[in-house]
Amino acid sequence: MKSEIQLLAGGMVMLSLATSALIVIPYMTVRDVQPPDALKPYSSQELRGRQQYIANGCIYCHSQQPRAKGFAPDFQRGWGRASVAADYAYDSPHLLGTMRTGPDLFNIGARQPSDQWHLGHLYQPRAYVAQSIMPSYPFLFEAKVKADPGDVEIKLPPGFSPTGKVVVATNEALDLVAYLKSLNHTYPVVDLPAQPSAK
């Protein structure tokens, strides 16, 4: 009986230590972090696009967390500065990702601000990046004989449009692109103190 009590007590101590190290201490570290002034809440269209990002599994192949220069070549790849906790103030759930089958998307809105590029890339990634293994998402588009007024027609590279038809984006595709373009974290996150002038 005594050994069972010791085993139970030891298990409770280990559980308490793990809870403190993995939940309590990280929470205490970031609970009062305020979003940078330049970070704006998502618009309703961007929130709908975020849901498309989740529903279409983009998170499984793309991260949204560039690492510091000392840990990885993310900055040399053009992915921007390392992310900080404040960058995710308006994210729920957080879409940090755990795999990088494709590039990090933390700053894709700054690296690629073109609606047409994003829409065409979603329709057929290999039209833009020949070696891409990203799946295409044709169900986010419609092929029509003629675009209707108000339709957003995709200007695809030669050879990628259906014969005799035009490709137009659905609202879901436009929402997803709005979300991708909102991923622009090029603002500074720390105000550096003013340097004394040289005399």
Protein backbone atom coordinates (compact mmCIF):
# COMPACT_ATOMS: atom_id res chain seq x y z
CA MET A 1 0.00 0.00 0.00
CA LYS A 2 2.82 2.40 0.85
CA SER A 3 4.49 1.87 -2.54
CA GLU A 4 1.20 2.56 -4.33
CA ILE A 5 0.85 5.88 -2.49
CA GLN A 6 4.43 6.79 -3.39
CA LEU A 7 3.80 5.87 -7.02
CA LEU A 8 0.63 7.96 -7.11
CA ALA A 9 2.39 10.90 -5.39
CA GLY A 10 5.31 10.66 -7.83
CA GLY A 11 2.92 10.63 -10.78
CA MET A 12 1.09 13.69 -9.46
CA VAL A 13 4.39 15.54 -8.98
CA MET A 14 5.48 14.72 -12.54
CA LEU A 15 2.08 15.80 -13.91
CA SER A 16 2.32 19.07 -11.98
CA LEU A 17 5.83 19.75 -13.27
CA ALA A 18 4.82 18.99 -16.86
CA THR A 19 1.71 21.19 -16.59
CA SER A 20 3.80 24.03 -15.19
CA ALA A 21 6.50 23.72 -17.85
CA LEU A 22 4.19 23.26 -20.85
CA ILE A 23 1.12 25.32 -19.95
CA VAL A 24 1.46 27.66 -16.98
CA ILE A 25 4.91 29.17 -17.68
CA PRO A 26 4.28 29.77 -21.42
CA TYR A 27 0.91 31.33 -20.61
CA MET A 28 2.46 33.63 -18.01
CA THR A 29 5.10 34.65 -20.57
CA VAL A 30 2.67 35.75 -23.31
CA ARG A 31 -0.61 36.59 -21.56
CA ASP A 32 0.00 40.35 -21.53
CA VAL A 33 1.51 40.63 -25.02
CA GLN A 34 -0.22 43.37 -27.01
CA PRO A 35 -0.54 43.30 -30.81
CA PRO A 36 1.72 45.72 -32.68
CA ASP A 37 -0.05 48.90 -33.82
CA ALA A 38 0.43 47.93 -37.47
CA LEU A 39 -1.27 44.55 -37.02
CA LYS A 40 -4.96 44.86 -37.85
CA PRO A 41 -7.78 42.41 -37.05
CA TYR A 42 -8.98 40.26 -39.95
CA SER A 43 -11.84 41.53 -42.09
CA SER A 44 -14.90 39.31 -42.52
CA GLN A 45 -13.65 38.26 -45.98
CA GLU A 46 -10.22 37.39 -44.58
CA LEU A 47 -11.84 35.35 -41.80
CA ARG A 48 -13.85 33.41 -44.39
CA GLY A 49 -10.62 32.89 -46.34
CA ARG A 50 -8.93 31.66 -43.17
CA GLN A 51 -11.65 29.03 -42.88
CA GLN A 52 -10.93 28.01 -46.50
CA TYR A 53 -7.22 27.78 -45.60
CA ILE A 54 -8.10 25.37 -42.80
CA ALA A 55 -10.73 23.41 -44.75
CA ASN A 56 -8.45 22.86 -47.75
CA GLY A 57 -5.59 21.61 -45.59
CA CYS A 58 -3.09 24.37 -46.38
CA ILE A 59 -1.84 24.17 -42.80
CA TYR A 60 -0.55 20.62 -43.38
CA CYS A 61 2.12 21.75 -45.84
CA HIS A 62 2.78 25.39 -44.94
CA SER A 63 4.01 26.93 -41.71
CA GLN A 64 3.49 30.51 -40.58
CA GLN A 65 6.47 30.89 -38.28
CA PRO A 66 9.82 31.95 -39.73
CA ARG A 67 12.67 31.23 -37.34
CA ALA A 68 15.44 33.50 -36.13
CA LYS A 69 18.58 33.89 -38.26
CA GLY A 70 20.66 31.83 -35.82
CA PHE A 71 18.34 28.81 -36.06
CA ALA A 72 17.50 28.46 -39.75
CA PRO A 73 18.04 30.08 -43.17
CA ASP A 74 14.45 31.39 -43.25
CA PHE A 75 15.56 35.03 -43.59
CA GLN A 76 17.90 34.17 -46.50
CA ARG A 77 14.96 32.44 -48.19
CA GLY A 78 13.13 35.78 -48.20
CA TRP A 79 10.53 34.76 -45.63
CA GLY A 80 11.12 37.86 -43.47
CA ARG A 81 11.96 38.35 -39.84
CA ALA A 82 11.37 35.75 -37.16
CA SER A 83 7.84 35.70 -35.82
CA VAL A 84 6.98 36.79 -32.28
CA ALA A 85 3.99 36.05 -30.06
CA ALA A 86 2.37 39.44 -30.78
CA ASP A 87 2.08 38.56 -34.49
CA TYR A 88 -0.65 36.03 -33.65
CA ALA A 89 -2.78 38.25 -31.39
CA TYR A 90 -5.85 37.97 -33.65
CA ASP A 91 -5.40 34.30 -34.59
CA SER A 92 -7.74 31.71 -33.14
CA PRO A 93 -6.95 28.94 -33.66
CA HIS A 94 -3.28 29.57 -34.36
CA LEU A 95 -2.13 28.22 -37.72
CA LEU A 96 1.59 27.94 -37.04
CA GLY A 97 1.92 24.62 -38.86
CA THR A 98 4.43 21.87 -38.19
CA MET A 99 5.55 20.91 -41.71
CA ARG A 100 7.22 22.77 -44.54
CA THR A 101 6.43 20.75 -47.59
CA GLY A 102 5.83 24.17 -49.16
CA PRO A 103 7.31 27.54 -48.22
CA ASP A 104 6.43 29.43 -45.05
CA LEU A 105 3.46 31.78 -45.63
CA PHE A 106 3.96 34.21 -42.72
CA ASN A 107 4.73 37.03 -45.19
CA ILE A 108 3.23 35.71 -48.44
CA GLY A 109 1.07 38.86 -48.69
CA ALA A 110 4.24 40.98 -48.87
CA ARG A 111 6.20 38.58 -51.09
CA GLN A 112 3.36 38.07 -53.56
CA PRO A 113 0.75 40.88 -53.49
CA SER A 114 -0.90 39.97 -56.83
CA ASP A 115 -4.48 38.64 -56.75
CA GLN A 116 -4.02 37.14 -60.22
CA TRP A 117 -0.88 35.26 -59.18
CA HIS A 118 -2.57 33.74 -56.11
CA LEU A 119 -5.72 32.80 -58.00
CA GLY A 120 -3.79 31.24 -60.88
CA HIS A 121 -1.49 29.44 -58.46
CA LEU A 122 -4.47 27.95 -56.63
CA TYR A 123 -6.01 26.84 -59.93
CA GLN A 124 -2.80 25.25 -61.26
CA PRO A 125 0.40 25.63 -59.18
CA ARG A 126 2.64 24.17 -61.90
CA ALA A 127 1.71 27.00 -64.24
CA TYR A 128 3.72 29.28 -61.93
CA VAL A 129 6.24 26.98 -60.22
CA ALA A 130 7.13 24.08 -62.53
CA GLN A 131 8.52 21.81 -59.78
CA SER A 132 5.63 22.44 -57.34
CA ILE A 133 4.03 19.43 -55.68
CA MET A 134 1.10 21.49 -54.38
CA PRO A 135 -2.28 20.09 -55.41
CA SER A 136 -4.47 22.20 -57.65
CA TYR A 137 -7.85 23.43 -56.39
CA PRO A 138 -10.06 23.60 -59.52
CA PHE A 139 -13.22 23.26 -57.41
CA LEU A 140 -12.59 26.83 -56.20
CA PHE A 141 -13.14 28.03 -59.79
CA GLU A 142 -15.66 27.79 -62.60
CA ALA A 143 -14.93 27.24 -66.28
CA LYS A 144 -17.33 29.27 -68.43
CA VAL A 145 -17.71 30.02 -72.11
CA LYS A 146 -17.89 33.72 -71.25
CA ALA A 147 -17.35 35.58 -67.98
CA ASP A 148 -20.42 37.28 -66.54
CA PRO A 149 -20.34 40.89 -65.34
CA GLY A 150 -18.77 40.96 -61.89
CA ASP A 151 -16.82 37.71 -62.42
CA VAL A 152 -13.11 37.74 -61.65
CA GLU A 153 -11.49 36.07 -64.65
CA ILE A 154 -8.13 34.37 -64.10
CA LYS A 155 -5.42 35.23 -66.62
CA LEU A 156 -3.56 31.93 -66.83
CA PRO A 157 -0.27 31.35 -68.67
CA PRO A 158 -0.67 29.93 -72.20
CA GLY A 159 -1.64 26.27 -72.28
CA PHE A 160 -3.30 26.12 -68.85
CA SER A 161 -6.81 27.43 -69.65
CA PRO A 162 -9.53 24.97 -70.67
CA THR A 163 -10.02 25.06 -74.45
CA GLY A 164 -12.66 27.57 -75.48
CA LYS A 165 -13.44 28.61 -71.89
CA VAL A 166 -12.45 31.16 -69.31
CA VAL A 167 -11.73 30.41 -65.67
CA VAL A 168 -13.46 32.56 -63.05
CA ALA A 169 -12.92 32.59 -59.31
CA THR A 170 -15.64 31.60 -56.86
CA ASN A 171 -16.24 33.62 -53.70
CA GLU A 172 -14.35 30.94 -51.76
CA ALA A 173 -11.25 31.45 -53.91
CA LEU A 174 -11.47 35.23 -53.53
CA ASP A 175 -11.82 34.87 -49.76
CA LEU A 176 -8.81 32.55 -49.56
CA VAL A 177 -6.70 35.00 -51.58
CA ALA A 178 -7.80 37.87 -49.32
CA TYR A 179 -6.57 35.86 -46.32
CA LEU A 180 -3.26 35.00 -47.99
CA LYS A 181 -2.69 38.64 -48.88
CA SER A 182 -3.39 39.64 -45.27
CA LEU A 183 -0.35 37.60 -44.21
CA ASN A 184 2.00 40.56 -44.28
CA HIS A 185 4.10 40.98 -41.15
CA THR A 186 6.67 43.41 -42.46
CA TYR A 187 6.07 45.94 -39.70
CA PRO A 188 8.69 46.34 -36.95
CA VAL A 189 7.85 44.54 -33.71
CA VAL A 190 10.30 46.24 -31.35
CA ASP A 191 10.93 49.96 -31.12
CA LEU A 192 14.68 50.35 -30.97
CA PRO A 193 16.00 53.05 -28.63
CA ALA A 194 17.34 56.14 -30.35
CA GLN A 195 21.08 55.93 -30.93
CA PRO A 196 23.13 58.81 -29.49
CA SER A 197 24.49 61.02 -32.24
CA ALA A 198 28.23 60.88 -32.86
CA LYS A 199 30.11 64.04 -31.87
